[in-house]
Protein backbone atom coordinates (compact mmCIF):
# COMPACT_ATOMS: atom_id res chain seq x y z
CA MET A 1 -13.10 4.45 -19.83
CA ALA A 2 -13.17 5.74 -16.25
CA LYS A 3 -9.91 7.11 -14.88
CA LYS A 4 -9.66 4.42 -12.20
CA VAL A 5 -6.35 2.90 -11.13
CA LEU A 6 -6.05 -0.27 -9.04
CA VAL A 7 -3.01 -0.17 -6.73
CA LEU A 8 -1.77 -3.51 -5.41
CA GLU A 9 0.99 -2.98 -2.85
CA ASP A 10 1.37 -4.73 0.49
CA GLU A 11 3.41 -1.99 2.17
CA GLU A 12 0.74 0.38 3.47
CA ASN A 13 2.96 3.48 3.60
CA ILE A 14 4.02 3.08 -0.01
CA ARG A 15 0.48 2.24 -1.12
CA SER A 16 -1.00 5.28 0.63
CA PHE A 17 1.64 7.57 -0.87
CA VAL A 18 0.97 6.25 -4.37
CA VAL A 19 -2.81 6.53 -3.93
CA ILE A 20 -2.63 10.11 -2.62
CA ASN A 21 -0.56 11.24 -5.60
CA LEU A 22 -2.73 9.45 -8.13
CA LYS A 23 -5.79 11.15 -6.65
CA ARG A 24 -4.03 14.50 -6.87
CA ALA A 25 -3.39 13.76 -10.54
CA GLY A 26 -7.11 13.27 -11.13
CA TYR A 27 -7.50 9.50 -10.88
CA ASP A 28 -9.98 7.48 -8.89
CA THR A 29 -8.28 4.63 -7.07
CA VAL A 30 -9.00 1.29 -5.46
CA GLU A 31 -6.28 -0.28 -3.32
CA PHE A 32 -5.35 -3.74 -2.08
CA GLY A 33 -2.56 -5.37 -0.10
CA LEU A 34 -3.19 -8.95 -1.26
CA GLY A 35 -3.13 -10.29 -4.80
CA ALA A 36 -6.14 -12.56 -4.28
CA ASP A 37 -8.29 -9.59 -3.20
CA ALA A 38 -7.22 -7.58 -6.24
CA GLU A 39 -8.04 -10.50 -8.54
CA GLU A 40 -11.48 -10.91 -6.99
CA TYR A 41 -12.22 -7.21 -7.45
CA LEU A 42 -11.15 -7.24 -11.09
CA ARG A 43 -13.32 -10.27 -11.85
CA SER A 44 -16.44 -8.41 -10.76
CA HIS A 45 -15.61 -4.82 -11.77
CA GLY A 46 -14.98 -3.63 -15.30
CA ASP A 47 -14.25 0.01 -14.52
CA VAL A 48 -10.49 -0.23 -13.86
CA ALA A 49 -8.36 1.38 -16.56
CA ILE A 50 -4.88 0.67 -15.20
CA ALA A 51 -3.47 -1.67 -12.54
CA VAL A 52 -0.23 -0.90 -10.68
CA LEU A 53 0.98 -4.26 -9.35
CA ASP A 54 3.72 -4.83 -6.79
CA VAL A 55 5.68 -8.02 -7.50
CA MET A 56 6.53 -9.11 -3.95
CA LEU A 57 3.29 -9.82 -2.07
CA PRO A 58 2.41 -11.90 1.04
CA ASP A 59 0.18 -14.34 -0.86
CA ILE A 60 0.78 -14.57 -4.61
CA ASN A 61 3.29 -12.50 -6.54
CA GLY A 62 2.44 -9.72 -8.95
CA PHE A 63 3.44 -11.80 -11.97
CA GLU A 64 0.70 -14.30 -11.11
CA VAL A 65 -1.83 -11.49 -10.71
CA CYS A 66 -0.78 -10.12 -14.09
CA ARG A 67 -1.23 -13.54 -15.70
CA ALA A 68 -4.64 -13.88 -14.07
CA ILE A 69 -5.74 -10.48 -15.39
CA ARG A 70 -4.74 -11.39 -18.92
CA GLY A 71 -6.34 -14.80 -18.43
CA MET A 72 -9.64 -13.05 -17.78
CA GLY A 73 -9.33 -11.49 -21.22
CA SER A 74 -8.88 -8.06 -19.66
CA LYS A 75 -7.05 -5.50 -21.76
CA ILE A 76 -6.47 -2.97 -18.97
CA GLY A 77 -3.10 -1.27 -18.70
CA ILE A 78 -0.67 -2.93 -16.28
CA ILE A 79 2.42 -1.41 -14.66
CA MET A 80 4.63 -3.66 -12.53
CA LEU A 81 6.10 -2.11 -9.37
CA THR A 82 9.13 -4.05 -8.24
CA ALA A 83 12.26 -3.84 -6.11
CA MET A 84 14.00 -6.21 -8.50
CA ALA A 85 16.39 -4.52 -10.91
CA GLN A 86 17.51 -7.58 -12.84
CA GLU A 87 16.73 -7.60 -16.54
CA SER A 88 15.20 -11.08 -16.27
CA ASP A 89 12.56 -9.80 -13.83
CA ARG A 90 11.67 -6.91 -16.10
CA VAL A 91 11.37 -9.29 -19.03
CA THR A 92 9.21 -11.67 -16.95
CA GLY A 93 6.79 -8.85 -16.17
CA LEU A 94 6.49 -7.84 -19.79
CA MET A 95 6.15 -11.45 -20.96
CA THR A 96 3.30 -12.10 -18.52
CA GLY A 97 1.34 -9.23 -20.06
CA ALA A 98 2.52 -6.05 -18.33
CA ASP A 99 2.74 -2.87 -20.37
CA ASP A 100 5.41 -1.11 -18.33
CA TYR A 101 7.42 -1.39 -15.11
CA VAL A 102 8.85 0.93 -12.44
CA THR A 103 11.71 -0.19 -10.21
CA LYS A 104 11.83 0.54 -6.47
CA PRO A 105 12.93 2.84 -5.00
CA PHE A 106 10.93 4.99 -7.37
CA SER A 107 9.89 8.59 -7.80
CA VAL A 108 6.13 8.91 -7.39
CA VAL A 109 6.25 11.71 -9.97
CA GLU A 110 7.71 9.23 -12.45
CA LEU A 111 5.08 6.62 -11.57
CA VAL A 112 2.22 9.07 -12.13
CA ALA A 113 3.83 10.14 -15.41
CA ARG A 114 3.99 6.48 -16.49
CA VAL A 115 0.32 6.04 -15.59
CA ASP A 116 -0.54 9.19 -17.56
CA ALA A 117 1.42 8.02 -20.59
CA LEU A 118 -0.10 4.55 -20.54
CA TYR A 119 -3.61 5.95 -20.15
CA ARG A 120 -3.13 8.28 -23.10
CA ARG A 121 -1.64 5.51 -25.20
CA MET A 122 -4.47 3.08 -24.45
CA TYR A 123 -7.53 5.27 -24.34
CA GLY A 124 -6.58 8.34 -26.34
CA ALA A 125 -6.40 12.00 -25.46
CA ALA A 126 -10.17 12.39 -25.90
CA PHE A 127 -10.68 10.30 -22.78
CA PHE A 128 -7.92 12.03 -20.81
CA SER A 129 -9.75 15.04 -19.51
CA GLU A 130 -7.68 17.23 -17.23
CA THR A 131 -10.60 19.48 -16.35
CA ILE A 132 -14.12 19.06 -15.04
CA VAL A 133 -16.62 21.65 -16.26
CA SER A 134 -19.94 22.32 -14.56
CA GLY A 135 -21.86 25.39 -15.59
CA GLU A 136 -19.66 28.45 -15.10
CA TYR A 137 -17.15 26.46 -13.04
CA GLU A 138 -14.04 24.71 -14.37
CA LEU A 139 -11.83 22.58 -12.13
CA ASP A 140 -8.29 21.99 -13.42
CA LEU A 141 -7.08 18.63 -12.06
CA ARG A 142 -3.45 19.33 -12.91
CA SER A 143 -3.03 22.74 -11.33
CA ARG A 144 -5.74 21.94 -8.73
CA GLU A 145 -7.38 25.29 -9.47
CA LEU A 146 -11.04 26.29 -9.67
CA ARG A 147 -12.17 29.02 -12.04
CA CYS A 148 -15.52 30.69 -12.33
CA GLU A 149 -16.11 32.28 -15.72
CA GLY A 150 -12.33 32.33 -16.15
CA LYS A 151 -11.58 33.93 -12.79
CA LYS A 152 -9.58 31.93 -10.27
CA VAL A 153 -11.28 31.02 -6.99
CA GLU A 154 -8.78 30.60 -4.15
CA LEU A 155 -9.33 27.27 -2.42
CA THR A 156 -7.61 25.35 0.34
CA GLN A 157 -6.60 21.78 -0.52
CA VAL A 158 -9.58 20.44 1.44
CA GLU A 159 -11.95 22.77 -0.40
CA TYR A 160 -10.46 21.67 -3.72
CA LEU A 161 -11.07 18.01 -2.85
CA ILE A 162 -14.66 18.77 -1.82
CA MET A 163 -15.26 20.56 -5.12
CA LYS A 164 -13.70 17.66 -7.02
CA THR A 165 -16.02 15.24 -5.20
CA PHE A 166 -19.06 17.35 -6.07
CA LEU A 167 -18.15 17.93 -9.72
CA GLU A 168 -17.47 14.23 -10.24
CA ASN A 169 -20.94 13.45 -8.87
CA PRO A 170 -23.26 16.16 -10.25
CA GLY A 171 -26.83 15.93 -8.98
CA LYS A 172 -25.99 12.99 -6.71
CA ALA A 173 -26.89 13.18 -3.02
CA LEU A 174 -23.68 12.61 -1.09
CA SER A 175 -23.80 11.75 2.59
CA ARG A 176 -21.45 13.44 5.04
CA ASP A 177 -19.72 10.07 5.37
CA ASP A 178 -19.28 9.90 1.58
CA ILE A 179 -17.66 13.34 1.53
CA MET A 180 -15.48 12.63 4.56
CA GLU A 181 -14.16 9.40 3.07
CA SER A 182 -13.50 11.01 -0.32
CA VAL A 183 -11.68 14.01 1.14
CA TRP A 184 -10.12 12.86 4.41
CA GLY A 185 -9.82 9.13 3.72
CA LYS A 186 -11.65 6.07 4.99
CA ASP A 187 -9.52 5.83 8.16
CA TYR A 188 -10.17 9.40 9.31
CA GLN A 189 -11.68 9.41 12.79
CA GLY A 190 -12.70 13.07 13.06
CA ASP A 191 -16.13 14.51 13.72
CA LEU A 192 -18.53 14.80 10.78
CA LYS A 193 -18.93 18.48 11.67
CA VAL A 194 -15.66 19.10 9.85
CA VAL A 195 -17.59 18.47 6.63
CA ASP A 196 -20.23 21.07 7.48
CA VAL A 197 -17.62 23.66 8.49
CA ASN A 198 -15.73 23.30 5.22
CA ILE A 199 -18.96 23.35 3.20
CA ARG A 200 -19.88 26.66 4.82
CA ARG A 201 -16.47 28.12 3.96
CA LEU A 202 -16.71 26.83 0.41
CA ARG A 203 -20.14 28.35 -0.08
CA LEU A 204 -18.78 31.75 0.92
CA LYS A 205 -16.33 31.49 -1.95
CA ILE A 206 -18.54 30.15 -4.73
CA GLU A 207 -22.13 31.11 -3.98
CA THR A 208 -23.57 34.52 -4.83
CA ASN A 209 -25.59 34.27 -1.62
CA ALA A 210 -24.18 31.70 0.80
CA ALA A 211 -27.37 31.85 2.87
CA MET A 212 -29.39 30.76 -0.16
CA PRO A 213 -27.05 28.47 -2.08
CA LYS A 214 -27.97 27.37 -5.58
CA HIS A 215 -25.01 25.05 -6.22
CA ILE A 216 -24.18 23.23 -2.97
CA ILE A 217 -27.60 22.09 -1.83
CA THR A 218 -28.25 20.70 1.66
CA ILE A 219 -30.00 17.35 1.88
CA TRP A 220 -31.42 17.66 5.36
CA GLY A 221 -30.44 14.86 7.71
CA TYR A 222 -28.15 13.34 5.09
CA GLY A 223 -25.60 15.51 3.33
CA TYR A 224 -25.22 17.64 0.20
CA LYS A 225 -25.45 17.59 -3.58
CA TRP A 226 -24.07 19.74 -6.40
CA GLU A 227 -26.47 21.45 -8.79
CA VAL A 228 -25.56 23.57 -11.81
């Protein structure tokens, strides 16, 4: 099962904070602010492993979304995210099919730990890879460190995210827009040249000859791809 988490939260600041930290923990994410949109996505996509559902939403509440998910026959993990501390609300969430709950205000570290625990419980440690290996390179998603034949390669956070994007998509041609969205976010308004600049810096750190790269290959007029 892919390490993809759906985050349903109508408060954009909270949603963005949760998404950023889940990505740092090695998860792919898809995010929504409306329950109906999340439901529609789940009906047509079977790659979500865990859903984090806010209870209070502008359209339908998280309990209804949870019921709908279970009504689809989906067995994905569900964590309810709620500002309600009453026992009855926690029980309601669990009775509608949730696996766990976190009460607002919450620690994002605790939320990620709950996601980790639920993922391990549902899919087993064999599916919970904390590293990505490609040839002589090993990327540790917990420590956010890259090693080449066991030796640490010092990376900036942007360079780490670029490497993560490449190693998750080996051999796939990625456009500059793809890389920008993955690393800087879909709302980033900067120049695409920032991608090229960071690729050049990254090549200096990982390529034997940066002028003739064998790992980060340029796709002229389009972008880049990772080759082992």
